[in-house]
Structures are given as structure tokens and as C-alpha cells.
Protein backbone atom coordinates (compact mmCIF):
# COMPACT_ATOMS: atom_id res chain seq x y z
CA UNK A 1 132.60 223.42 92.18
CA UNK A 2 135.16 221.76 89.85
CA UNK A 3 135.19 218.34 88.47
CA UNK A 4 138.90 217.29 89.42
CA UNK A 5 140.11 217.91 86.34
CA UNK A 6 144.25 219.49 87.22
CA UNK A 7 144.71 223.02 85.67
CA UNK A 8 147.09 226.01 86.58
CA UNK A 9 144.87 228.74 87.98
CA UNK A 10 146.99 231.66 87.64
CA UNK A 11 145.71 234.93 89.77
CA UNK A 12 147.16 238.35 89.15
CA UNK A 13 146.91 241.20 91.37
CA UNK A 14 147.86 244.83 90.66
CA UNK A 15 147.78 248.32 92.10
CA UNK A 16 149.46 250.62 88.92
CA UNK A 17 147.25 253.26 90.34
CA UNK A 18 147.62 252.91 94.29
CA UNK A 19 144.82 253.11 96.49
CA UNK A 20 143.18 250.99 93.60
CA UNK A 21 143.36 247.71 93.26
CA UNK A 22 143.14 245.08 90.58
CA UNK A 23 143.11 241.55 90.64
CA UNK A 24 142.47 239.20 88.07
CA UNK A 25 142.62 235.33 87.42
CA UNK A 26 140.77 232.40 85.59
CA UNK A 27 139.52 228.95 87.07
CA UNK A 28 139.20 226.10 84.70
CA UNK A 29 136.35 223.57 86.14
CA UNK A 30 135.62 221.29 83.72
CA UNK A 31 136.51 220.20 80.12
CA UNK A 32 132.88 222.21 79.73
CA UNK A 33 133.36 225.67 81.95
CA UNK A 34 136.38 228.20 82.20
CA UNK A 35 135.36 230.57 84.36
CA UNK A 36 136.90 234.23 83.87
CA UNK A 37 136.97 236.80 86.26
CA UNK A 38 138.62 240.80 87.05
CA UNK A 39 138.08 242.26 90.45
CA UNK A 40 139.24 246.14 91.32
CA UNK A 41 139.26 247.64 95.13
CA UNK A 42 138.82 251.31 94.90
CA UNK A 43 140.65 253.58 97.51
CA UNK A 44 136.23 254.32 98.48
CA UNK A 45 135.55 251.01 99.41
CA UNK A 46 134.08 250.45 96.62
CA UNK A 47 134.55 246.67 95.42
CA UNK A 48 133.39 245.23 92.66
CA UNK A 49 134.05 241.99 90.58
CA UNK A 50 133.37 240.54 86.81
CA UNK A 51 132.68 236.93 86.83
CA UNK A 52 132.12 235.82 83.56
CA UNK A 53 130.81 238.71 81.98
CA UNK A 54 128.59 239.22 85.23
CA UNK A 55 128.61 242.32 87.34
CA UNK A 56 129.07 241.59 91.51
CA UNK A 57 129.21 244.50 94.13
CA UNK A 58 131.22 242.69 96.41
CA UNK A 59 129.83 245.55 99.00
CA UNK A 60 126.37 242.87 98.60
CA UNK A 61 129.01 240.05 99.62
CA UNK A 62 132.43 239.38 99.13
CA UNK A 63 132.58 236.04 98.23
CA UNK A 64 131.54 234.85 95.01
CA UNK A 65 130.95 230.83 95.24
CA UNK A 66 130.40 229.36 91.16
CA UNK A 67 128.83 225.90 90.12
CA UNK A 68 128.78 225.15 86.38
CA UNK A 69 126.05 222.93 84.90
CA UNK A 70 125.90 220.01 83.36
CA UNK A 71 124.58 222.37 80.38
CA UNK A 72 127.63 224.80 79.90
CA UNK A 73 126.13 227.51 82.14
CA UNK A 74 127.44 228.08 85.34
CA UNK A 75 124.96 229.37 87.84
CA UNK A 76 126.56 232.15 90.95
CA UNK A 77 125.78 232.01 95.27
CA UNK A 78 127.29 235.35 96.56
CA UNK A 79 127.41 235.69 100.51
CA UNK A 80 129.12 238.21 102.73
CA UNK A 81 132.67 237.28 103.96
CA UNK A 82 135.06 239.75 105.61
CA UNK A 83 138.49 239.94 104.21
CA UNK A 84 140.38 237.07 105.58
CA UNK A 85 143.73 235.45 104.87
CA UNK A 86 143.98 231.72 102.97
CA UNK A 87 143.77 229.88 106.19
CA UNK A 88 140.75 231.53 107.67
CA UNK A 89 138.71 231.94 103.91
CA UNK A 90 138.76 227.23 104.53
CA UNK A 91 137.17 227.78 107.98
CA UNK A 92 134.69 230.22 107.10
CA UNK A 93 134.05 228.02 104.23
CA UNK A 94 134.34 225.19 105.53
CA UNK A 95 131.21 226.98 108.24
CA UNK A 96 128.94 227.83 105.87
CA UNK A 97 128.02 223.83 104.70
CA UNK A 98 125.45 224.40 107.82
CA UNK A 99 123.86 226.98 105.67
CA UNK A 100 120.69 225.22 103.85
CA UNK A 101 120.46 227.88 101.64
CA UNK A 102 124.43 226.59 100.39
CA UNK A 103 123.65 223.13 100.74
CA UNK A 104 120.90 223.17 98.30
CA UNK A 105 123.40 225.39 95.78
CA UNK A 106 125.97 223.09 96.18
CA UNK A 107 123.66 220.42 95.71
CA UNK A 108 121.60 221.02 92.76
CA UNK A 109 121.68 217.65 90.49
CA UNK A 110 122.49 219.76 87.57
CA UNK A 111 125.61 220.92 88.80
CA UNK A 112 128.94 219.15 87.57
């Protein structure tokens, strides 16, 4: 969730140690919140992400939604998603909008 602030969101994906892959980026979600992340996919198919110092095992869910709160904290929603391209990702996220747990997460009154 972002409050519409225009910003650059650089993403870098590198693999200097094939078959291990590393990507990192940051997203300015509002004037008060920034999300920094690093993700790694290892040759043994283990995958992890660190999002604002919180560790996620991506085998438990490959999609992490982020909701900055009015008090400056951040809430996360992790859900399973298959590997997909950008077009498939938009469709997948659109279909998620029918899940009550996600609706509650996105409509929380404390979200920015």
C-alpha cells in the first residue's frame, strides 16, 4: 500500500554466484515509510527475504504485501504465489481481492 507519492523504486537482481540469485530494492510508500528488502534464491530451492529487518521463508509464501501504518509501523501479509511474470502477477493479485483475510488486511483503518 502506498499513498500515491511519486518516487523511484530501483530494483537490482544479480547472480555473481550462479546458481544462487540475489535481488534487492526499496520502495518509498509514503513520506513516513520506506520498505527496504533483500531476497535470495539458493540452488537447493530454499528462498528467503528480509523486508525491513524481518525474515521471511519464501517457501511458506512467495508474495509479501506491505501496509505501512499511520503510526509509522509496517504490517505484512505473506501468501503463497507461483513464479509468474508481471502480467500474471497483476491478474493473480486481482484474484486475491476476493479473500476475506486479505480484504481485512487492506481495509484496516490504521493503513496509510
